[in-house]
Amino acid sequence: MTNPYVSKYNFVIEDPSVCYYCKAEGLILSEKFCPTCGFPQQGTHEEQRDFIYNKNNDEIKSEEFKKSILTARIVLFSLATLNLVFGVLAINNFSFFAISSIIVSVIYVGLALWTRRKPVLSLLIALLLYISLVSANYILVPGIFINAWKWQLLVVFAFGYGLFDAIRFEKLRRK
């Protein structure tokens, strides 16, 4: 009985004209690497094993980065919901606060949706917008910062962590 962990990267390339990793056809036997995925088709067993290991490791990292971006997206939707609720509750006064809360809510929803296509840019804008709004609130109502600083710090951390992982995700995709 063979050990599956030992034989995990023991493989045999049956047809050298077909890439072992991405299954691209028509490879030229004189080329060491697959032009599609970069697999060392004519490389040593160690090079082939390392390539597959690194690809699998990149996929795991990619999933972790996507989870951080998803967390930041959820924070954006949560902030949008809170701003919308406070805006609707204050709409009876038809005040600047009510209108601005609803507008900010719509912006947060737009940024949350945009994280699917441009996570770095959308999270950077969200972080800057949030810090600007918190700073403006602190200037307009100085006592509000003292009561909510833990939540505000948590939101900044979630955006920052999501932004950091979005940058790492983009670098990984460009590899």
Protein backbone atom coordinates (compact mmCIF):
# COMPACT_ATOMS: atom_id res chain seq x y z
CA MET A 1 0.00 0.00 0.00
CA THR A 2 1.42 3.37 -1.01
CA ASN A 3 1.46 6.45 1.17
CA PRO A 4 -0.66 9.16 -0.53
CA TYR A 5 1.51 11.92 0.96
CA VAL A 6 4.68 10.46 -0.53
CA SER A 7 3.17 9.83 -3.94
CA LYS A 8 1.31 13.15 -4.08
CA TYR A 9 3.92 14.77 -6.33
CA ASN A 10 5.15 11.61 -8.05
CA PHE A 11 3.76 11.89 -11.54
CA VAL A 12 4.62 10.72 -15.00
CA ILE A 13 4.33 12.89 -18.08
CA GLU A 14 2.93 10.50 -20.64
CA ASP A 15 2.66 12.91 -23.58
CA PRO A 16 5.36 15.62 -23.63
CA SER A 17 3.37 17.62 -26.21
CA VAL A 18 0.55 18.14 -23.65
CA CYS A 19 1.26 20.23 -20.54
CA TYR A 20 0.92 18.17 -17.40
CA TYR A 21 -0.45 21.11 -15.39
CA CYS A 22 -2.80 23.10 -17.65
CA LYS A 23 -3.34 20.46 -20.37
CA ALA A 24 -2.34 22.87 -23.18
CA GLU A 25 -1.62 20.93 -26.34
CA GLY A 26 1.00 21.34 -29.03
CA LEU A 27 4.03 21.96 -26.81
CA ILE A 28 7.36 21.94 -28.59
CA LEU A 29 9.66 19.32 -27.15
CA SER A 30 12.65 21.67 -27.17
CA GLU A 31 10.92 24.19 -24.88
CA LYS A 32 11.47 23.64 -21.20
CA PHE A 33 8.41 25.58 -19.99
CA CYS A 34 4.77 25.54 -21.05
CA PRO A 35 4.05 28.87 -22.77
CA THR A 36 0.55 28.95 -21.26
CA CYS A 37 1.14 28.34 -17.55
CA GLY A 38 4.92 28.17 -17.16
CA PHE A 39 5.03 24.55 -15.98
CA PRO A 40 8.56 23.14 -16.44
CA GLN A 41 7.45 20.36 -18.80
CA GLN A 42 11.04 19.44 -19.66
CA GLY A 43 12.41 20.41 -16.23
CA THR A 44 13.64 18.23 -13.44
CA HIS A 45 11.25 16.37 -11.18
CA GLU A 46 12.10 18.82 -8.37
CA GLU A 47 11.27 21.84 -10.57
CA GLN A 48 7.96 20.28 -11.56
CA ARG A 49 7.12 19.40 -7.95
CA ASP A 50 8.03 22.91 -6.76
CA PHE A 51 5.90 24.47 -9.49
CA ILE A 52 2.83 22.48 -8.46
CA TYR A 53 3.48 23.13 -4.77
CA ASN A 54 3.81 26.89 -5.39
CA LYS A 55 0.64 26.97 -7.52
CA ASN A 56 -1.32 25.18 -4.79
CA ASN A 57 0.13 27.51 -2.16
CA ASP A 58 -0.84 30.54 -4.28
CA GLU A 59 -4.42 29.24 -4.53
CA ILE A 60 -4.61 28.92 -0.73
CA LYS A 61 -3.25 32.45 -0.27
CA SER A 62 -5.68 33.74 -2.87
CA GLU A 63 -8.63 32.29 -0.95
CA GLU A 64 -7.40 33.90 2.29
CA PHE A 65 -7.07 37.27 0.58
CA LYS A 66 -10.57 36.95 -0.87
CA LYS A 67 -11.94 36.31 2.64
CA SER A 68 -10.36 39.54 3.92
CA ILE A 69 -11.80 41.48 0.99
CA LEU A 70 -15.19 39.90 1.69
CA THR A 71 -14.97 41.01 5.34
CA ALA A 72 -14.26 44.57 4.23
CA ARG A 73 -17.21 44.35 1.81
CA ILE A 74 -19.48 43.24 4.67
CA VAL A 75 -18.25 46.18 6.76
CA LEU A 76 -19.13 48.51 3.88
CA PHE A 77 -22.64 47.07 3.61
CA SER A 78 -23.02 47.35 7.40
CA LEU A 79 -21.94 50.99 7.37
CA ALA A 80 -24.33 51.64 4.50
CA THR A 81 -27.17 50.08 6.48
CA LEU A 82 -26.36 52.09 9.62
CA ASN A 83 -26.14 55.34 7.66
CA LEU A 84 -29.40 54.58 5.89
CA VAL A 85 -31.21 53.79 9.14
CA PHE A 86 -29.96 56.96 10.83
CA GLY A 87 -30.75 58.97 7.72
CA VAL A 88 -34.30 57.62 7.50
CA LEU A 89 -34.87 58.21 11.22
CA ALA A 90 -33.75 61.81 10.84
CA ILE A 91 -35.64 62.42 7.58
CA ASN A 92 -38.59 63.94 9.48
CA ASN A 93 -36.40 66.95 10.22
CA PHE A 94 -35.21 66.98 6.60
CA SER A 95 -31.87 68.02 7.93
CA PHE A 96 -28.46 68.06 6.37
CA PHE A 97 -27.62 65.03 8.54
CA ALA A 98 -30.47 62.98 7.08
CA ILE A 99 -29.63 63.75 3.47
CA SER A 100 -25.88 63.30 3.92
CA SER A 101 -26.42 59.97 5.74
CA ILE A 102 -28.49 58.64 2.87
CA ILE A 103 -25.95 59.85 0.29
CA VAL A 104 -23.07 58.27 2.23
CA SER A 105 -25.09 55.07 2.48
CA VAL A 106 -25.45 54.94 -1.30
CA ILE A 107 -21.72 55.61 -1.72
CA TYR A 108 -20.85 52.77 0.68
CA VAL A 109 -23.11 50.38 -1.23
CA GLY A 110 -21.44 51.42 -4.49
CA LEU A 111 -17.99 50.89 -3.01
CA ALA A 112 -19.02 47.51 -1.59
CA LEU A 113 -20.21 46.38 -5.01
CA TRP A 114 -17.09 47.78 -6.65
CA THR A 115 -14.83 45.63 -4.45
CA ARG A 116 -15.68 42.72 -6.74
CA ARG A 117 -13.94 44.39 -9.69
CA LYS A 118 -11.44 46.82 -8.20
CA PRO A 119 -10.87 45.85 -4.55
CA VAL A 120 -7.73 47.95 -4.02
CA LEU A 121 -9.16 51.21 -5.32
CA SER A 122 -12.61 50.77 -3.77
CA LEU A 123 -11.23 49.89 -0.33
CA LEU A 124 -8.74 52.76 -0.47
CA ILE A 125 -11.55 55.19 -1.28
CA ALA A 126 -13.73 53.64 1.44
CA LEU A 127 -10.96 53.98 4.02
CA LEU A 128 -10.27 57.60 3.09
CA LEU A 129 -13.99 58.43 3.06
CA TYR A 130 -14.53 56.82 6.45
CA ILE A 131 -11.56 58.60 8.02
CA SER A 132 -12.75 61.90 6.51
CA LEU A 133 -16.27 61.41 7.87
CA VAL A 134 -15.02 60.45 11.33
CA SER A 135 -12.70 63.47 11.34
CA ALA A 136 -15.53 65.78 10.23
CA ASN A 137 -17.80 64.36 12.94
CA TYR A 138 -15.08 64.90 15.53
CA ILE A 139 -14.70 68.52 14.47
CA LEU A 140 -18.47 69.15 14.39
CA VAL A 141 -19.31 67.14 17.53
CA PRO A 142 -16.11 66.64 19.57
CA GLY A 143 -17.62 64.34 22.23
CA ILE A 144 -18.81 61.72 19.74
CA PHE A 145 -15.31 60.38 19.11
CA ILE A 146 -14.73 59.46 22.73
CA ASN A 147 -17.85 57.30 22.87
CA ALA A 148 -17.30 55.38 19.64
CA TRP A 149 -13.52 55.20 19.20
CA LYS A 150 -13.39 51.40 19.57
CA TRP A 151 -15.91 50.84 16.77
CA GLN A 152 -14.24 53.41 14.58
CA LEU A 153 -10.86 51.81 15.11
CA LEU A 154 -12.33 48.40 14.30
CA VAL A 155 -13.76 49.71 11.03
CA VAL A 156 -10.44 51.34 10.08
CA PHE A 157 -8.66 48.07 10.90
CA ALA A 158 -11.11 46.05 8.77
CA PHE A 159 -10.65 48.41 5.81
CA GLY A 160 -6.88 48.50 6.28
CA TYR A 161 -6.59 44.74 6.52
CA GLY A 162 -8.87 44.27 3.51
CA LEU A 163 -6.87 46.84 1.54
CA PHE A 164 -3.56 45.18 2.48
CA ASP A 165 -4.83 41.77 1.37
CA ALA A 166 -6.38 43.25 -1.79
CA ILE A 167 -2.94 44.60 -2.73
CA ARG A 168 -1.36 41.21 -2.03
CA PHE A 169 -4.15 39.51 -4.04
CA GLU A 170 -3.47 41.79 -7.04
CA LYS A 171 0.25 41.00 -6.86
CA LEU A 172 -0.50 37.29 -6.69
CA ARG A 173 -2.81 37.48 -9.72
CA ARG A 174 -0.11 39.25 -11.75
CA LYS A 175 2.41 36.47 -11.07
